[in-house]
C-alpha atoms as a PDB file:
ATOM      1  CA  MET A   1      90.334  97.794  97.231  1.00  0.00           C
ATOM      2  CA  LYS A   2      89.112  95.902 100.437  1.00  0.00           C
ATOM      3  CA  PHE A   3      92.343  93.433  99.852  1.00  0.00           C
ATOM      4  CA  LEU A   4      94.855  96.148  98.812  1.00  0.00           C
ATOM      5  CA  SER A   5      93.695  97.740 102.239  1.00  0.00           C
ATOM      6  CA  ASN A   6      94.119  95.040 104.334  1.00  0.00           C
ATOM      7  CA  SER A   7      97.391  93.823 102.310  1.00  0.00           C
ATOM      8  CA  ARG A   8      98.155  97.744 103.592  1.00  0.00           C
ATOM      9  CA  GLN A   9      97.159  97.125 107.277  1.00  0.00           C
ATOM     10  CA  PHE A  10      99.113  93.854 107.085  1.00  0.00           C
ATOM     11  CA  HIS A  11     102.427  94.524 105.386  1.00  0.00           C
ATOM     12  CA  LYS A  12     102.425  97.799 108.057  1.00  0.00           C
ATOM     13  CA  ALA A  13     101.772  95.221 111.491  1.00  0.00           C
ATOM     14  CA  LEU A  14     104.539  93.029 109.935  1.00  0.00           C
ATOM     15  CA  ALA A  15     107.230  95.930 108.993  1.00  0.00           C
ATOM     16  CA  PRO A  16     108.347  95.622 112.075  1.00  0.00           C
ATOM     17  CA  TRP A  17     108.822  91.861 112.886  1.00  0.00           C
ATOM     18  CA  VAL A  18     110.253  91.307 109.658  1.00  0.00           C
ATOM     19  CA  PHE A  19     112.482  94.271 109.880  1.00  0.00           C
ATOM     20  CA  LEU A  20     115.315  93.248 112.322  1.00  0.00           C
ATOM     21  CA  PRO A  21     115.547  89.349 111.512  1.00  0.00           C
ATOM     22  CA  LEU A  22     115.593  90.513 107.648  1.00  0.00           C
ATOM     23  CA  LEU A  23     118.313  93.343 107.975  1.00  0.00           C
ATOM     24  CA  ILE A  24     120.621  90.790 110.367  1.00  0.00           C
ATOM     25  CA  SER A  25     120.162  88.528 107.435  1.00  0.00           C
ATOM     26  CA  SER A  26     121.479  91.147 104.299  1.00  0.00           C
ATOM     27  CA  ILE A  27     123.899  92.444 106.935  1.00  0.00           C
ATOM     28  CA  THR A  28     125.951  88.685 107.528  1.00  0.00           C
ATOM     29  CA  GLY A  29     125.599  87.990 104.320  1.00  0.00           C
ATOM     30  CA  VAL A  30     127.212  90.705 102.927  1.00  0.00           C
ATOM     31  CA  LEU A  31     130.114  90.467 104.907  1.00  0.00           C
ATOM     32  CA  TYR A  32     130.378  86.841 105.260  1.00  0.00           C
ATOM     33  CA  ARG A  33     130.661  86.931 101.641  1.00  0.00           C
ATOM     34  CA  VAL A  34     133.024  90.245 102.025  1.00  0.00           C
ATOM     35  CA  SER A  35     135.210  89.279 104.330  1.00  0.00           C
ATOM     36  CA  LYS A  36     135.875  85.905 102.747  1.00  0.00           C
ATOM     37  CA  ASP A  37     136.822  86.100  99.694  1.00  0.00           C
ATOM     38  CA  LEU A  38     137.429  90.083  99.350  1.00  0.00           C
ATOM     39  CA  LEU A  39     139.245  90.323 102.875  1.00  0.00           C
ATOM     40  CA  GLY A  40     140.822  86.770 102.033  1.00  0.00           C
ATOM     41  CA  TYR A  41     139.074  85.544 105.455  1.00  0.00           C
ATOM     42  CA  SER A  42     139.084  81.589 106.043  1.00  0.00           C
ATOM     43  CA  ARG A  43     135.487  80.014 106.077  1.00  0.00           C
ATOM     44  CA  ASP A  44     136.514  78.802 109.814  1.00  0.00           C
ATOM     45  CA  GLN A  45     136.988  83.304 110.626  1.00  0.00           C
ATOM     46  CA  VAL A  46     134.312  84.137 109.525  1.00  0.00           C
ATOM     47  CA  HIS A  47     131.409  80.924 110.012  1.00  0.00           C
ATOM     48  CA  TRP A  48     129.904  83.166 112.881  1.00  0.00           C
ATOM     49  CA  LEU A  49     128.880  85.651 111.017  1.00  0.00           C
ATOM     50  CA  MET A  50     127.080  83.003 108.985  1.00  0.00           C
ATOM     51  CA  SER A  51     125.897  81.120 111.524  1.00  0.00           C
ATOM     52  CA  LEU A  52     124.122  84.317 112.385  1.00  0.00           C
ATOM     53  CA  HIS A  53     123.178  84.680 109.030  1.00  0.00           C
ATOM     54  CA  GLU A  54     121.039  81.482 108.835  1.00  0.00           C
ATOM     55  CA  GLY A  55     120.175  81.796 112.274  1.00  0.00           C
ATOM     56  CA  GLU A  56     122.122  78.362 113.578  1.00  0.00           C
ATOM     57  CA  TRP A  57     121.709  79.687 117.296  1.00  0.00           C
ATOM     58  CA  LEU A  58     118.742  78.662 117.669  1.00  0.00           C
ATOM     59  CA  GLY A  59     119.562  75.244 116.753  1.00  0.00           C
ATOM     60  CA  GLY A  60     118.067  72.620 115.027  1.00  0.00           C
ATOM     61  CA  ASN A  61     114.371  73.567 115.255  1.00  0.00           C
ATOM     62  CA  GLY A  62     115.115  77.360 115.491  1.00  0.00           C
ATOM     63  CA  GLU A  63     117.062  78.102 112.500  1.00  0.00           C
ATOM     64  CA  LEU A  64     114.233  75.847 110.062  1.00  0.00           C
ATOM     65  CA  ILE A  65     111.815  78.281 111.205  1.00  0.00           C
ATOM     66  CA  TYR A  66     114.397  81.034 111.522  1.00  0.00           C
ATOM     67  CA  VAL A  67     114.828  80.407 107.575  1.00  0.00           C
ATOM     68  CA  PHE A  68     111.492  79.574 107.057  1.00  0.00           C
ATOM     69  CA  PHE A  69     109.164  82.532 108.456  1.00  0.00           C
ATOM     70  CA  ASN A  70     112.597  85.267 107.222  1.00  0.00           C
ATOM     71  CA  SER A  71     111.752  84.320 103.820  1.00  0.00           C
ATOM     72  CA  LEU A  72     107.620  84.226 104.369  1.00  0.00           C
ATOM     73  CA  GLY A  73     108.415  87.775 105.575  1.00  0.00           C
ATOM     74  CA  VAL A  74     110.242  88.948 102.319  1.00  0.00           C
ATOM     75  CA  LEU A  75     107.532  87.420  99.881  1.00  0.00           C
ATOM     76  CA  TRP A  76     105.513  88.782 102.417  1.00  0.00           C
ATOM     77  CA  MET A  77     106.348  92.538 101.895  1.00  0.00           C
ATOM     78  CA  LEU A  78     107.651  91.932  98.201  1.00  0.00           C
ATOM     79  CA  ILE A  79     103.850  91.271  97.145  1.00  0.00           C
ATOM     80  CA  THR A  80     101.941  93.916  99.673  1.00  0.00           C
ATOM     81  CA  GLY A  81     105.195  96.019  99.393  1.00  0.00           C
ATOM     82  CA  PHE A  82     104.144  95.438  95.065  1.00  0.00           C
ATOM     83  CA  GLN A  83     100.713  95.723  95.517  1.00  0.00           C
ATOM     84  CA  MET A  84     100.710  99.562  96.489  1.00  0.00           C
ATOM     85  CA  PHE A  85     103.382 100.598  94.886  1.00  0.00           C
ATOM     86  CA  SER A  86     100.886  99.259  92.073  1.00  0.00           C
ATOM     87  CA  LYS A  87      98.531 101.072  92.819  1.00  0.00           C
ATOM     88  CA  THR A  88     100.300 104.298  93.122  1.00  0.00           C
ATOM     89  CA  ILE A  89     101.053 104.148  89.814  1.00  0.00           C
ATOM     90  CA  SER A  90      98.024 104.063  88.573  1.00  0.00           C
ATOM     91  CA  PHE A  91      95.965 106.862  90.829  1.00  0.00           C
ATOM     92  CA  THR A  92      99.439 108.836  89.048  1.00  0.00           C
ATOM     93  CA  LYS A  93      98.494 108.191  85.367  1.00  0.00           C
ATOM     94  CA  LYS A  94      95.267 108.458  85.765  1.00  0.00           C
ATOM     95  CA  VAL A  95      95.288 111.829  87.922  1.00  0.00           C
ATOM     96  CA  THR A  96      98.026 112.942  85.048  1.00  0.00           C
ATOM     97  CA  ASN A  97      95.815 111.823  81.651  1.00  0.00           C
ATOM     98  CA  GLY A  98      92.420 113.539  83.700  1.00  0.00           C
ATOM     99  CA  GLU A  99      94.749 116.532  84.022  1.00  0.00           C
ATOM    100  CA  SER A 100      95.882 117.242  80.639  1.00  0.00           C
ATOM    101  CA  LYS A 101      92.303 116.446  79.062  1.00  0.00           C
ATOM    102  CA  GLY A 102      90.789 118.927  81.076  1.00  0.00           C
END
């Protein structure tokens, strides 16, 4: 139970830090794919979107750090979010079962 409350606190603390990089990556990734595949732009015309998406603008080491922390942020948010979600579902089932027996 203590780990769940700690993971909830960590999720809450980390969410503002990963929000903007993940938002930028998701929007630029979708825009790149739509622009290239559906709108017919060449790879060179939309490379600036991929540059934003991958963090190329940060340089070689910065790009690696950006991608690494983006992936860790996604994994952490998924794990802690799933823990909170599963706890909510199990609590709802217990309350529903308890009410039907009473």
